[in-house]
Amino acid sequence: MAEMTSLQLMIVELAKSGTSSSALKSAVLSVHPHLNDGAYLGELATLQVKGWLVGEEAEGAWFFTSFVDDVVADRVPEYSPEFAEMIVAADCGNWTELDPDELIAQLDEMLRKANARRSGKA
């Protein structure tokens, strides 16, 4: 697993077969007692963003499961950065600038016509 700190490697190893959030935190803090909650949660978030750790609720408790490189490679991402760039590029050219005064005038006209129809003056 490339570019992982020793702490991240430990978390991934502990969560290989799935472990409860509380058991994982206890095990990590027993080896790294200096670690505060913010740093610990930051490491979990980093691993999740990289796709190496997944959290899920089961039977009313939160569990973490880690993935080794070959499993991560087989997982299909929800989207790819290339696909996101295609969407943004396709969407950027379709914006039409609107004049707010013109929109208000159109709305006023639509309201005038609607009120006239309601009162029978159409």
N, C-alpha and C. Protein backbone atom coordinates (compact mmCIF):
# COMPACT_ATOMS: atom_id res chain seq x y z
N MET A 1 0.84 -1.17 0.00
CA MET A 1 0.00 0.00 0.00
C MET A 1 0.89 1.23 0.00
N ALA A 2 0.84 1.98 -1.02
CA ALA A 2 1.74 3.11 -1.20
C ALA A 2 1.29 4.32 -0.39
N GLU A 3 2.28 5.12 0.01
CA GLU A 3 2.05 6.42 0.63
C GLU A 3 1.18 6.36 1.88
N MET A 4 1.41 5.41 2.74
CA MET A 4 0.67 5.32 3.98
C MET A 4 1.61 5.52 5.15
N THR A 5 1.13 6.26 6.15
CA THR A 5 1.91 6.43 7.37
C THR A 5 1.82 5.15 8.19
N SER A 6 2.67 5.04 9.19
CA SER A 6 2.63 3.85 10.04
C SER A 6 1.29 3.76 10.78
N LEU A 7 0.74 4.90 11.14
CA LEU A 7 -0.56 4.91 11.81
C LEU A 7 -1.65 4.41 10.87
N GLN A 8 -1.62 4.88 9.62
CA GLN A 8 -2.60 4.43 8.64
C GLN A 8 -2.47 2.94 8.37
N LEU A 9 -1.22 2.47 8.28
CA LEU A 9 -1.01 1.03 8.08
C LEU A 9 -1.58 0.23 9.24
N MET A 10 -1.41 0.73 10.44
CA MET A 10 -1.94 0.05 11.61
C MET A 10 -3.47 -0.01 11.55
N ILE A 11 -4.10 1.10 11.21
CA ILE A 11 -5.57 1.14 11.13
C ILE A 11 -6.07 0.17 10.08
N VAL A 12 -5.44 0.17 8.92
CA VAL A 12 -5.85 -0.73 7.84
C VAL A 12 -5.68 -2.18 8.27
N GLU A 13 -4.58 -2.48 8.92
CA GLU A 13 -4.34 -3.86 9.38
C GLU A 13 -5.38 -4.28 10.40
N LEU A 14 -5.69 -3.40 11.35
CA LEU A 14 -6.67 -3.73 12.39
C LEU A 14 -8.08 -3.91 11.82
N ALA A 15 -8.38 -3.21 10.74
CA ALA A 15 -9.74 -3.24 10.19
C ALA A 15 -9.90 -4.23 9.05
N LYS A 16 -8.88 -5.05 8.77
CA LYS A 16 -8.94 -5.98 7.64
C LYS A 16 -10.18 -6.87 7.66
N SER A 17 -10.48 -7.44 8.79
CA SER A 17 -11.62 -8.36 8.85
C SER A 17 -12.87 -7.68 9.39
N GLY A 18 -12.82 -6.37 9.53
CA GLY A 18 -13.94 -5.62 10.06
C GLY A 18 -13.85 -5.54 11.57
N THR A 19 -13.96 -4.34 12.08
CA THR A 19 -13.88 -4.14 13.52
C THR A 19 -14.77 -2.98 13.92
N SER A 20 -15.27 -3.03 15.14
CA SER A 20 -16.13 -1.94 15.60
C SER A 20 -15.31 -0.68 15.76
N SER A 21 -16.00 0.43 15.64
CA SER A 21 -15.34 1.73 15.78
C SER A 21 -14.66 1.87 17.13
N SER A 22 -15.35 1.44 18.18
CA SER A 22 -14.77 1.57 19.53
C SER A 22 -13.56 0.67 19.72
N ALA A 23 -13.61 -0.55 19.19
CA ALA A 23 -12.47 -1.46 19.31
C ALA A 23 -11.27 -0.94 18.52
N LEU A 24 -11.53 -0.39 17.35
CA LEU A 24 -10.45 0.16 16.52
C LEU A 24 -9.79 1.34 17.24
N LYS A 25 -10.61 2.24 17.76
CA LYS A 25 -10.07 3.41 18.45
C LYS A 25 -9.26 2.99 19.67
N SER A 26 -9.77 2.05 20.45
CA SER A 26 -9.04 1.58 21.64
C SER A 26 -7.69 0.99 21.26
N ALA A 27 -7.67 0.17 20.21
CA ALA A 27 -6.42 -0.46 19.78
C ALA A 27 -5.42 0.58 19.30
N VAL A 28 -5.90 1.56 18.54
CA VAL A 28 -5.00 2.59 18.02
C VAL A 28 -4.45 3.44 19.17
N LEU A 29 -5.33 3.84 20.09
CA LEU A 29 -4.89 4.70 21.19
C LEU A 29 -4.00 3.97 22.18
N SER A 30 -4.09 2.65 22.24
CA SER A 30 -3.19 1.91 23.13
C SER A 30 -1.75 1.97 22.63
N VAL A 31 -1.58 2.10 21.32
CA VAL A 31 -0.24 2.20 20.75
C VAL A 31 0.18 3.67 20.57
N HIS A 32 -0.80 4.54 20.32
CA HIS A 32 -0.53 5.97 20.10
C HIS A 32 -1.33 6.80 21.10
N PRO A 33 -0.97 6.76 22.38
CA PRO A 33 -1.75 7.45 23.40
C PRO A 33 -1.74 8.98 23.26
N HIS A 34 -0.77 9.52 22.54
CA HIS A 34 -0.68 10.96 22.33
C HIS A 34 -1.70 11.47 21.31
N LEU A 35 -2.31 10.59 20.57
CA LEU A 35 -3.21 10.94 19.47
C LEU A 35 -4.51 11.53 20.01
N ASN A 36 -4.88 12.73 19.55
CA ASN A 36 -6.15 13.31 19.98
C ASN A 36 -7.26 12.91 19.01
N ASP A 37 -8.51 13.19 19.37
CA ASP A 37 -9.65 12.78 18.55
C ASP A 37 -9.60 13.36 17.15
N GLY A 38 -9.21 14.62 17.04
CA GLY A 38 -9.15 15.26 15.72
C GLY A 38 -8.17 14.58 14.79
N ALA A 39 -6.99 14.26 15.31
CA ALA A 39 -5.98 13.59 14.49
C ALA A 39 -6.43 12.18 14.12
N TYR A 40 -7.02 11.48 15.07
CA TYR A 40 -7.51 10.12 14.81
C TYR A 40 -8.59 10.14 13.73
N LEU A 41 -9.57 11.02 13.89
CA LEU A 41 -10.65 11.11 12.90
C LEU A 41 -10.13 11.56 11.54
N GLY A 42 -9.10 12.41 11.56
CA GLY A 42 -8.47 12.83 10.30
C GLY A 42 -7.85 11.67 9.56
N GLU A 43 -7.20 10.78 10.30
CA GLU A 43 -6.61 9.59 9.67
C GLU A 43 -7.69 8.69 9.09
N LEU A 44 -8.79 8.52 9.83
CA LEU A 44 -9.89 7.70 9.31
C LEU A 44 -10.46 8.31 8.04
N ALA A 45 -10.65 9.63 8.05
CA ALA A 45 -11.19 10.31 6.88
C ALA A 45 -10.26 10.18 5.68
N THR A 46 -8.98 10.32 5.91
CA THR A 46 -7.99 10.19 4.82
C THR A 46 -8.07 8.80 4.20
N LEU A 47 -8.13 7.78 5.05
CA LEU A 47 -8.21 6.41 4.55
C LEU A 47 -9.51 6.17 3.78
N GLN A 48 -10.58 6.77 4.23
CA GLN A 48 -11.86 6.60 3.54
C GLN A 48 -11.85 7.30 2.19
N VAL A 49 -11.28 8.50 2.14
CA VAL A 49 -11.20 9.24 0.88
C VAL A 49 -10.36 8.47 -0.14
N LYS A 50 -9.30 7.82 0.33
CA LYS A 50 -8.44 7.05 -0.57
C LYS A 50 -9.05 5.70 -0.94
N GLY A 51 -10.16 5.35 -0.31
CA GLY A 51 -10.83 4.09 -0.63
C GLY A 51 -10.25 2.89 0.08
N TRP A 52 -9.44 3.12 1.10
CA TRP A 52 -8.81 2.02 1.81
C TRP A 52 -9.58 1.60 3.06
N LEU A 53 -10.57 2.39 3.45
CA LEU A 53 -11.34 2.11 4.65
C LEU A 53 -12.78 2.50 4.41
N VAL A 54 -13.68 1.62 4.83
CA VAL A 54 -15.11 1.88 4.67
C VAL A 54 -15.79 1.71 6.01
N GLY A 55 -16.64 2.65 6.36
CA GLY A 55 -17.41 2.55 7.58
C GLY A 55 -18.86 2.26 7.26
N GLU A 56 -19.50 1.46 8.12
CA GLU A 56 -20.92 1.17 7.92
C GLU A 56 -21.54 0.79 9.25
N GLU A 57 -22.84 1.03 9.34
CA GLU A 57 -23.56 0.68 10.56
C GLU A 57 -24.13 -0.72 10.43
N ALA A 58 -23.98 -1.49 11.48
CA ALA A 58 -24.54 -2.84 11.51
C ALA A 58 -24.95 -3.14 12.95
N GLU A 59 -26.16 -3.57 13.10
CA GLU A 59 -26.70 -3.95 14.41
C GLU A 59 -26.54 -2.84 15.44
N GLY A 60 -26.74 -1.60 15.01
CA GLY A 60 -26.70 -0.47 15.92
C GLY A 60 -25.32 0.02 16.28
N ALA A 61 -24.27 -0.53 15.68
CA ALA A 61 -22.91 -0.10 15.96
C ALA A 61 -22.20 0.25 14.65
N TRP A 62 -21.18 1.07 14.74
CA TRP A 62 -20.42 1.48 13.57
C TRP A 62 -19.20 0.58 13.43
N PHE A 63 -18.98 0.05 12.22
CA PHE A 63 -17.86 -0.86 11.94
C PHE A 63 -17.01 -0.31 10.81
N PHE A 64 -15.74 -0.61 10.87
CA PHE A 64 -14.81 -0.25 9.80
C PHE A 64 -14.23 -1.50 9.19
N THR A 65 -14.09 -1.49 7.88
CA THR A 65 -13.46 -2.57 7.14
C THR A 65 -12.45 -1.94 6.19
N SER A 66 -11.27 -2.53 6.11
CA SER A 66 -10.25 -1.99 5.22
C SER A 66 -10.10 -2.89 4.00
N PHE A 67 -9.49 -2.34 2.98
CA PHE A 67 -9.28 -3.05 1.72
C PHE A 67 -7.82 -2.99 1.36
N VAL A 68 -7.30 -4.11 0.91
CA VAL A 68 -5.92 -4.14 0.43
C VAL A 68 -5.90 -3.65 -1.01
N ASP A 69 -4.70 -3.37 -1.54
CA ASP A 69 -4.58 -2.75 -2.86
C ASP A 69 -5.31 -3.50 -3.96
N ASP A 70 -5.24 -4.84 -4.01
CA ASP A 70 -5.88 -5.56 -5.10
C ASP A 70 -7.40 -5.45 -5.01
N VAL A 71 -7.94 -5.38 -3.81
CA VAL A 71 -9.39 -5.22 -3.66
C VAL A 71 -9.79 -3.81 -4.05
N VAL A 72 -8.99 -2.82 -3.65
CA VAL A 72 -9.29 -1.43 -4.00
C VAL A 72 -9.28 -1.26 -5.51
N ALA A 73 -8.34 -1.88 -6.18
CA ALA A 73 -8.25 -1.75 -7.63
C ALA A 73 -9.47 -2.34 -8.33
N ASP A 74 -10.07 -3.37 -7.72
CA ASP A 74 -11.25 -4.00 -8.33
C ASP A 74 -12.54 -3.23 -8.08
N ARG A 75 -12.53 -2.33 -7.10
CA ARG A 75 -13.74 -1.58 -6.79
C ARG A 75 -13.98 -0.53 -7.86
N VAL A 76 -15.21 -0.40 -8.30
CA VAL A 76 -15.57 0.59 -9.31
C VAL A 76 -15.95 1.88 -8.59
N PRO A 77 -15.30 2.98 -8.90
CA PRO A 77 -15.65 4.23 -8.23
C PRO A 77 -17.03 4.72 -8.68
N GLU A 78 -17.66 5.48 -7.82
CA GLU A 78 -18.97 6.04 -8.14
C GLU A 78 -18.85 6.96 -9.35
N TYR A 79 -17.76 7.66 -9.45
CA TYR A 79 -17.46 8.51 -10.59
C TYR A 79 -15.95 8.64 -10.70
N SER A 80 -15.50 9.08 -11.84
CA SER A 80 -14.07 9.31 -11.99
C SER A 80 -13.83 10.81 -12.17
N PRO A 81 -12.67 11.29 -11.85
CA PRO A 81 -12.37 12.71 -12.06
C PRO A 81 -12.51 13.10 -13.54
N GLU A 82 -12.18 12.18 -14.43
CA GLU A 82 -12.31 12.47 -15.86
C GLU A 82 -13.77 12.68 -16.24
N PHE A 83 -14.66 11.85 -15.68
CA PHE A 83 -16.08 11.98 -15.97
C PHE A 83 -16.61 13.30 -15.41
N ALA A 84 -16.18 13.66 -14.21
CA ALA A 84 -16.60 14.93 -13.61
C ALA A 84 -16.15 16.11 -14.47
N GLU A 85 -14.93 16.04 -15.01
CA GLU A 85 -14.44 17.11 -15.89
C GLU A 85 -15.28 17.20 -17.16
N MET A 86 -15.71 16.06 -17.71
CA MET A 86 -16.56 16.07 -18.90
C MET A 86 -17.89 16.76 -18.61
N ILE A 87 -18.46 16.50 -17.45
CA ILE A 87 -19.74 17.12 -17.09
C ILE A 87 -19.57 18.63 -16.96
N VAL A 88 -18.53 19.04 -16.25
CA VAL A 88 -18.29 20.47 -16.06
C VAL A 88 -18.04 21.15 -17.40
N ALA A 89 -17.23 20.53 -18.25
CA ALA A 89 -16.91 21.12 -19.55
C ALA A 89 -18.16 21.24 -20.42
N ALA A 90 -19.02 20.24 -20.40
CA ALA A 90 -20.23 20.27 -21.21
C ALA A 90 -21.21 21.30 -20.69
N ASP A 91 -21.23 21.51 -19.39
CA ASP A 91 -22.20 22.41 -18.79
C ASP A 91 -21.77 23.87 -18.88
N CYS A 92 -20.48 24.13 -18.92
CA CYS A 92 -19.98 25.50 -18.86
C CYS A 92 -20.43 26.36 -20.04
N GLY A 93 -20.60 25.79 -21.19
CA GLY A 93 -20.95 26.57 -22.36
C GLY A 93 -22.43 26.85 -22.50
N ASN A 94 -23.27 26.30 -21.65
CA ASN A 94 -24.72 26.42 -21.82
C ASN A 94 -25.37 27.49 -20.95
N TRP A 95 -24.60 28.33 -20.28
CA TRP A 95 -25.17 29.34 -19.40
C TRP A 95 -25.68 30.51 -20.23
N THR A 96 -26.85 30.99 -19.88
CA THR A 96 -27.43 32.15 -20.53
C THR A 96 -27.59 33.24 -19.48
N GLU A 97 -27.07 34.41 -19.77
CA GLU A 97 -27.19 35.50 -18.82
C GLU A 97 -28.60 36.08 -18.90
N LEU A 98 -29.17 36.28 -17.74
CA LEU A 98 -30.54 36.80 -17.66
C LEU A 98 -30.52 38.20 -17.06
N ASP A 99 -31.40 39.04 -17.61
CA ASP A 99 -31.54 40.39 -17.07
C ASP A 99 -32.63 40.36 -16.01
N PRO A 100 -32.31 40.65 -14.76
CA PRO A 100 -33.32 40.55 -13.70
C PRO A 100 -34.49 41.51 -13.91
N ASP A 101 -34.22 42.68 -14.45
CA ASP A 101 -35.32 43.63 -14.70
C ASP A 101 -36.29 43.09 -15.74
N GLU A 102 -35.74 42.43 -16.76
CA GLU A 102 -36.59 41.82 -17.79
C GLU A 102 -37.43 40.69 -17.20
N LEU A 103 -36.83 39.89 -16.33
CA LEU A 103 -37.57 38.80 -15.69
C LEU A 103 -38.70 39.33 -14.81
N ILE A 104 -38.42 40.41 -14.08
CA ILE A 104 -39.45 41.01 -13.23
C ILE A 104 -40.58 41.57 -14.08
N ALA A 105 -40.24 42.18 -15.20
CA ALA A 105 -41.26 42.72 -16.10
C ALA A 105 -42.12 41.58 -16.67
N GLN A 106 -41.48 40.47 -17.04
CA GLN A 106 -42.24 39.32 -17.55
C GLN A 106 -43.15 38.75 -16.47
N LEU A 107 -42.66 38.67 -15.26
CA LEU A 107 -43.46 38.17 -14.15
C LEU A 107 -44.64 39.09 -13.88
N ASP A 108 -44.41 40.41 -13.88
CA ASP A 108 -45.49 41.36 -13.69
C ASP A 108 -46.57 41.20 -14.76
N GLU A 109 -46.14 41.01 -16.00
CA GLU A 109 -47.09 40.82 -17.10
C GLU A 109 -47.89 39.53 -16.92
N MET A 110 -47.22 38.45 -16.52
CA MET A 110 -47.92 37.18 -16.29
C MET A 110 -48.92 37.32 -15.15
N LEU A 111 -48.55 38.02 -14.09
CA LEU A 111 -49.48 38.23 -12.97
C LEU A 111 -50.66 39.09 -13.40
N ARG A 112 -50.41 40.13 -14.20
CA ARG A 112 -51.49 40.99 -14.69
C ARG A 112 -52.48 40.18 -15.51
N LYS A 113 -51.97 39.31 -16.41
CA LYS A 113 -52.85 38.48 -17.24
C LYS A 113 -53.62 37.47 -16.38
N ALA A 114 -52.96 36.88 -15.41
CA ALA A 114 -53.64 35.92 -14.54
C ALA A 114 -54.74 36.58 -13.73
N ASN A 115 -54.47 37.76 -13.20
CA ASN A 115 -55.48 38.48 -12.44
C ASN A 115 -56.64 38.90 -13.33
N ALA A 116 -56.35 39.28 -14.57
CA ALA A 116 -57.40 39.68 -15.51
C ALA A 116 -58.28 38.49 -15.85
N ARG A 117 -57.69 37.32 -16.05
CA ARG A 117 -58.48 36.12 -16.34
C ARG A 117 -59.36 35.75 -15.17
N ARG A 118 -58.81 35.89 -13.97
CA ARG A 118 -59.55 35.54 -12.77
C ARG A 118 -60.76 36.45 -12.60
N SER A 119 -60.58 37.70 -12.93
CA SER A 119 -61.70 38.65 -12.76
C SER A 119 -62.59 38.72 -14.00
N GLY A 120 -62.25 37.98 -15.06
CA GLY A 120 -63.07 37.91 -16.27
C GLY A 120 -62.84 39.03 -17.25
N LYS A 121 -61.74 39.74 -17.15
CA LYS A 121 -61.46 40.87 -18.05
C LYS A 121 -60.51 40.49 -19.17
N ALA A 122 -60.27 39.25 -19.38
CA ALA A 122 -59.29 38.83 -20.37
C ALA A 122 -59.75 39.06 -21.72
